[in-house]
Amino acid sequence: MEDEYKAVVQPQRRLNPAMSEEVKKELQKLLAAGIIYPISDSPWVSPV
């Protein structure tokens, strides 16, 4: 990334409990498939 770009901070998005469980299941599938991976800290992370 070029130094002139800044990360935009956004508030955390809230989901209803039923949808939250579905999102967690889908994230687990993507993690298991190796499509996504966890990171500890980054200014470019979206608040999901």
N, C-alpha and C. Protein backbone atom coordinates (compact mmCIF):
# COMPACT_ATOMS: atom_id res chain seq x y z
N MET A 1 0.83 -1.18 0.00
CA MET A 1 0.00 0.00 0.00
C MET A 1 0.88 1.24 0.00
N GLU A 2 0.37 2.25 -0.61
CA GLU A 2 1.11 3.51 -0.63
C GLU A 2 0.85 4.26 0.68
N ASP A 3 1.83 5.03 1.11
CA ASP A 3 1.74 5.73 2.39
C ASP A 3 0.66 6.80 2.42
N GLU A 4 0.23 7.29 1.29
CA GLU A 4 -0.75 8.38 1.27
C GLU A 4 -2.18 7.91 1.56
N TYR A 5 -2.42 6.60 1.55
CA TYR A 5 -3.76 6.09 1.84
C TYR A 5 -3.91 5.82 3.33
N LYS A 6 -5.09 6.17 3.85
CA LYS A 6 -5.38 5.94 5.26
C LYS A 6 -6.54 4.96 5.39
N ALA A 7 -6.49 4.15 6.41
CA ALA A 7 -7.59 3.23 6.69
C ALA A 7 -8.77 4.02 7.23
N VAL A 8 -9.96 3.64 6.80
CA VAL A 8 -11.18 4.29 7.26
C VAL A 8 -11.75 3.47 8.41
N VAL A 9 -12.05 4.11 9.51
CA VAL A 9 -12.61 3.43 10.67
C VAL A 9 -14.13 3.46 10.56
N GLN A 10 -14.74 2.29 10.70
CA GLN A 10 -16.19 2.19 10.63
C GLN A 10 -16.70 1.55 11.92
N PRO A 11 -17.92 1.90 12.34
CA PRO A 11 -18.48 1.27 13.54
C PRO A 11 -18.80 -0.20 13.28
N GLN A 12 -18.80 -1.00 14.33
CA GLN A 12 -19.11 -2.41 14.19
C GLN A 12 -20.56 -2.58 13.78
N ARG A 13 -20.80 -3.51 12.87
CA ARG A 13 -22.16 -3.77 12.41
C ARG A 13 -22.80 -4.82 13.31
N ARG A 14 -24.04 -4.58 13.68
CA ARG A 14 -24.75 -5.52 14.54
C ARG A 14 -25.68 -6.37 13.70
N LEU A 15 -25.78 -7.63 14.06
CA LEU A 15 -26.67 -8.56 13.38
C LEU A 15 -27.64 -9.14 14.38
N ASN A 16 -28.82 -9.55 13.88
CA ASN A 16 -29.74 -10.22 14.79
C ASN A 16 -29.16 -11.60 15.11
N PRO A 17 -29.54 -12.19 16.24
CA PRO A 17 -28.92 -13.45 16.69
C PRO A 17 -28.99 -14.59 15.67
N ALA A 18 -30.10 -14.73 14.96
CA ALA A 18 -30.22 -15.81 13.99
C ALA A 18 -29.23 -15.62 12.84
N MET A 19 -29.13 -14.41 12.35
CA MET A 19 -28.21 -14.14 11.25
C MET A 19 -26.76 -14.25 11.73
N SER A 20 -26.51 -13.86 12.96
CA SER A 20 -25.17 -13.95 13.51
C SER A 20 -24.66 -15.39 13.52
N GLU A 21 -25.51 -16.33 13.88
CA GLU A 21 -25.13 -17.74 13.88
C GLU A 21 -24.82 -18.23 12.47
N GLU A 22 -25.61 -17.79 11.49
CA GLU A 22 -25.37 -18.19 10.10
C GLU A 22 -24.04 -17.62 9.60
N VAL A 23 -23.74 -16.39 9.97
CA VAL A 23 -22.47 -15.77 9.58
C VAL A 23 -21.30 -16.54 10.20
N LYS A 24 -21.43 -16.92 11.47
CA LYS A 24 -20.37 -17.69 12.13
C LYS A 24 -20.14 -19.02 11.43
N LYS A 25 -21.23 -19.71 11.05
CA LYS A 25 -21.11 -20.98 10.35
C LYS A 25 -20.40 -20.80 9.01
N GLU A 26 -20.77 -19.77 8.27
CA GLU A 26 -20.16 -19.52 6.96
C GLU A 26 -18.69 -19.16 7.11
N LEU A 27 -18.36 -18.37 8.13
CA LEU A 27 -16.95 -18.03 8.37
C LEU A 27 -16.14 -19.28 8.71
N GLN A 28 -16.71 -20.19 9.48
CA GLN A 28 -16.01 -21.43 9.81
C GLN A 28 -15.76 -22.27 8.55
N LYS A 29 -16.73 -22.29 7.63
CA LYS A 29 -16.55 -23.00 6.36
C LYS A 29 -15.40 -22.39 5.56
N LEU A 30 -15.37 -21.06 5.48
CA LEU A 30 -14.33 -20.37 4.72
C LEU A 30 -12.96 -20.58 5.35
N LEU A 31 -12.89 -20.57 6.68
CA LEU A 31 -11.63 -20.84 7.38
C LEU A 31 -11.15 -22.27 7.10
N ALA A 32 -12.05 -23.23 7.18
CA ALA A 32 -11.69 -24.63 6.96
C ALA A 32 -11.23 -24.87 5.53
N ALA A 33 -11.80 -24.14 4.57
CA ALA A 33 -11.43 -24.30 3.17
C ALA A 33 -10.15 -23.57 2.82
N GLY A 34 -9.65 -22.75 3.73
CA GLY A 34 -8.43 -22.00 3.47
C GLY A 34 -8.63 -20.77 2.61
N ILE A 35 -9.87 -20.35 2.45
CA ILE A 35 -10.17 -19.16 1.64
C ILE A 35 -9.85 -17.89 2.41
N ILE A 36 -10.13 -17.90 3.71
CA ILE A 36 -9.79 -16.78 4.58
C ILE A 36 -8.92 -17.29 5.71
N TYR A 37 -8.26 -16.39 6.41
CA TYR A 37 -7.44 -16.78 7.55
C TYR A 37 -7.48 -15.66 8.58
N PRO A 38 -7.34 -16.02 9.85
CA PRO A 38 -7.39 -15.01 10.92
C PRO A 38 -6.11 -14.18 10.97
N ILE A 39 -6.25 -12.92 11.34
CA ILE A 39 -5.11 -12.05 11.58
C ILE A 39 -5.30 -11.39 12.93
N SER A 40 -4.21 -10.98 13.55
CA SER A 40 -4.33 -10.44 14.90
C SER A 40 -4.71 -8.96 14.90
N ASP A 41 -4.10 -8.16 14.04
CA ASP A 41 -4.37 -6.73 14.07
C ASP A 41 -3.97 -6.10 12.74
N SER A 42 -4.85 -5.29 12.18
CA SER A 42 -4.56 -4.58 10.95
C SER A 42 -5.47 -3.36 10.87
N PRO A 43 -4.97 -2.21 10.41
CA PRO A 43 -5.83 -1.04 10.27
C PRO A 43 -6.81 -1.16 9.10
N TRP A 44 -6.65 -2.18 8.25
CA TRP A 44 -7.50 -2.35 7.07
C TRP A 44 -8.60 -3.38 7.26
N VAL A 45 -8.85 -3.82 8.47
CA VAL A 45 -9.85 -4.84 8.73
C VAL A 45 -11.23 -4.20 8.80
N SER A 46 -12.23 -4.88 8.19
CA SER A 46 -13.61 -4.41 8.27
C SER A 46 -14.26 -4.95 9.53
N PRO A 47 -15.13 -4.16 10.17
CA PRO A 47 -15.78 -4.60 11.41
C PRO A 47 -16.99 -5.48 11.15
N VAL A 48 -16.79 -6.77 11.10
CA VAL A 48 -17.89 -7.69 10.86
C VAL A 48 -18.19 -8.44 12.12
